[in-house]
Protein backbone atom coordinates (compact mmCIF):
# COMPACT_ATOMS: atom_id res chain seq x y z
CA MET A 1 4.72 -9.07 18.94
CA PRO A 2 2.88 -5.92 16.40
CA SER A 3 -0.11 -7.51 14.88
CA SER A 4 -1.08 -4.58 13.00
CA LEU A 5 -0.02 -2.17 10.21
CA THR A 6 -0.07 0.64 13.06
CA GLU A 7 1.84 -1.14 15.29
CA MET A 8 4.52 -1.94 12.94
CA THR A 9 4.58 1.54 11.93
CA SER A 10 4.98 2.71 15.12
CA SER A 11 8.30 0.13 16.15
CA SER A 12 10.80 0.24 14.17
CA SER A 13 12.05 -2.69 16.02
CA ALA A 14 8.73 -4.90 15.15
CA TRP A 15 11.04 -5.66 12.11
CA ALA A 16 13.61 -5.65 9.90
CA PRO A 17 14.61 -6.16 6.34
CA VAL A 18 14.26 -9.94 5.13
CA VAL A 19 17.76 -9.98 4.55
CA ARG A 20 18.83 -9.27 8.31
CA ARG A 21 16.09 -11.94 9.80
CA PRO A 22 13.28 -13.95 8.75
CA LEU A 23 9.66 -12.45 9.28
CA ASP A 24 7.80 -14.25 12.24
CA ALA A 25 3.85 -15.77 11.10
CA ASP A 26 2.02 -12.33 12.77
CA GLN A 27 4.53 -10.56 10.22
CA ALA A 28 3.85 -11.74 7.55
CA ARG A 29 0.14 -12.08 8.22
CA VAL A 30 0.82 -8.22 7.88
CA PHE A 31 2.68 -8.03 5.19
CA ALA A 32 0.94 -10.32 2.99
CA PRO A 33 -2.40 -8.46 2.42
CA MET A 34 -0.35 -5.46 1.78
CA PHE A 35 2.02 -7.44 -1.33
CA LYS A 36 -1.87 -9.16 -2.08
CA ALA A 37 -3.03 -6.19 -3.16
CA LEU A 38 -0.05 -4.65 -5.33
CA GLY A 39 0.06 -8.27 -7.14
CA ASP A 40 -2.80 -7.24 -9.60
CA PRO A 41 -1.71 -4.72 -12.33
CA VAL A 42 -4.99 -2.56 -12.33
CA ARG A 43 -4.12 -2.35 -8.10
CA LEU A 44 -0.97 -1.38 -8.46
CA ARG A 45 -1.26 1.43 -11.61
CA LEU A 46 -4.37 2.89 -9.41
CA LEU A 47 -1.53 3.06 -6.30
CA SER A 48 0.70 4.46 -8.40
CA MET A 49 -1.70 6.72 -10.13
CA ILE A 50 -2.84 7.98 -6.54
CA ALA A 51 0.68 7.79 -4.91
CA SER A 52 1.63 10.81 -8.33
CA ALA A 53 -1.08 13.01 -8.53
CA GLY A 54 -1.23 15.94 -7.68
CA GLY A 55 -2.14 17.74 -3.95
CA GLY A 56 -1.44 14.68 -2.74
CA GLU A 57 -4.88 12.89 -3.07
CA VAL A 58 -7.33 11.90 -6.32
CA CYS A 59 -10.77 11.52 -7.65
CA VAL A 60 -12.25 8.47 -8.33
CA CYS A 61 -14.12 10.37 -11.11
CA ASP A 62 -10.01 10.54 -12.67
CA LEU A 63 -8.92 7.37 -12.04
CA THR A 64 -11.75 5.11 -13.78
CA GLY A 65 -11.44 6.73 -17.73
CA SER A 66 -7.73 5.49 -17.63
CA PHE A 67 -8.86 1.60 -17.92
CA LYS A 68 -11.26 -0.22 -19.58
CA LEU A 69 -12.69 -1.13 -16.53
CA THR A 70 -16.62 -0.47 -15.16
CA GLY A 71 -16.70 2.23 -12.10
CA PRO A 72 -17.51 -0.74 -9.34
CA THR A 73 -14.76 -3.11 -11.02
CA ILE A 74 -12.04 0.14 -9.85
CA SER A 75 -14.49 0.40 -7.07
CA HIS A 76 -13.26 -2.84 -5.69
CA HIS A 77 -10.07 -2.92 -6.94
CA LEU A 78 -9.68 1.12 -4.44
CA LYS A 79 -11.68 -0.90 -1.34
CA VAL A 80 -8.42 -3.66 -1.75
CA LEU A 81 -5.83 -0.88 -1.78
CA ARG A 82 -7.50 0.27 1.24
CA GLU A 83 -8.22 -2.88 3.06
CA ALA A 84 -4.73 -3.36 2.36
CA GLY A 85 -3.72 -0.09 4.11
CA LEU A 86 -2.23 1.08 1.01
CA VAL A 87 -4.80 3.98 0.07
CA ASP A 88 -7.09 6.27 2.68
CA SER A 89 -10.60 7.52 0.89
CA ASP A 90 -13.28 10.76 2.27
CA ARG A 91 -16.41 10.97 0.23
CA ARG A 92 -17.26 14.63 -0.75
CA GLY A 93 -20.32 14.92 -1.62
CA THR A 94 -20.94 12.03 -4.64
CA TRP A 95 -17.47 11.67 -4.88
CA VAL A 96 -14.32 9.07 -3.07
CA TYR A 97 -11.19 10.80 -3.04
CA TYR A 98 -7.99 8.61 -2.54
CA ARG A 99 -4.85 9.60 -1.03
CA LEU A 100 -1.30 6.92 -0.72
CA VAL A 101 -0.54 5.92 2.97
CA PRO A 102 3.20 7.24 3.33
CA ALA A 103 4.01 4.88 6.33
CA ALA A 104 2.85 1.76 4.78
CA VAL A 105 4.61 1.88 1.64
CA ALA A 106 7.92 3.51 3.45
CA LEU A 107 6.91 -0.08 5.57
CA LEU A 108 7.06 -2.53 2.36
CA GLY A 109 9.98 -0.44 1.41
CA GLY A 110 12.29 -1.35 4.29
CA LEU A 111 10.97 -4.59 4.13
CA LEU A 112 12.60 -4.87 0.74
CA ASP A 113 15.46 -3.00 1.46
CA VAL A 114 18.86 -4.77 0.63
CA SER A 115 21.53 -2.01 1.00
CA SER A 116 22.41 -4.16 4.13
CA LEU A 117 23.68 -5.99 1.34
CA ALA A 118 25.07 -3.63 -1.02
CA ALA A 119 27.09 -2.26 2.29
CA ALA A 120 28.45 -5.76 3.31
CA ALA A 121 29.77 -7.23 -0.32
């Protein structure tokens, strides 16, 4: 059974939308940190800013001005998103650039896909 995000994204038969079958304990352990990361309004905004950034990535320097938070607090929120597998980053000199991990977001979208309910109705 897949126990990591990488294994779950590479194996489409490892999971199914929650409306088709319940998650097992291992699957829930993989998905829970992703949902927990998105459960904070600041992190949800950060993810949306990164996802919608032109060029596919954004410098942390362009994110911090949008919040009334300190740089270290923003860095903490970005670290949570990175550890959840939702974003990736590269350091270039003194700045860190963030980009979305599309497979992770697609996995969450697939998990919550309810289109099979509409088709059955």
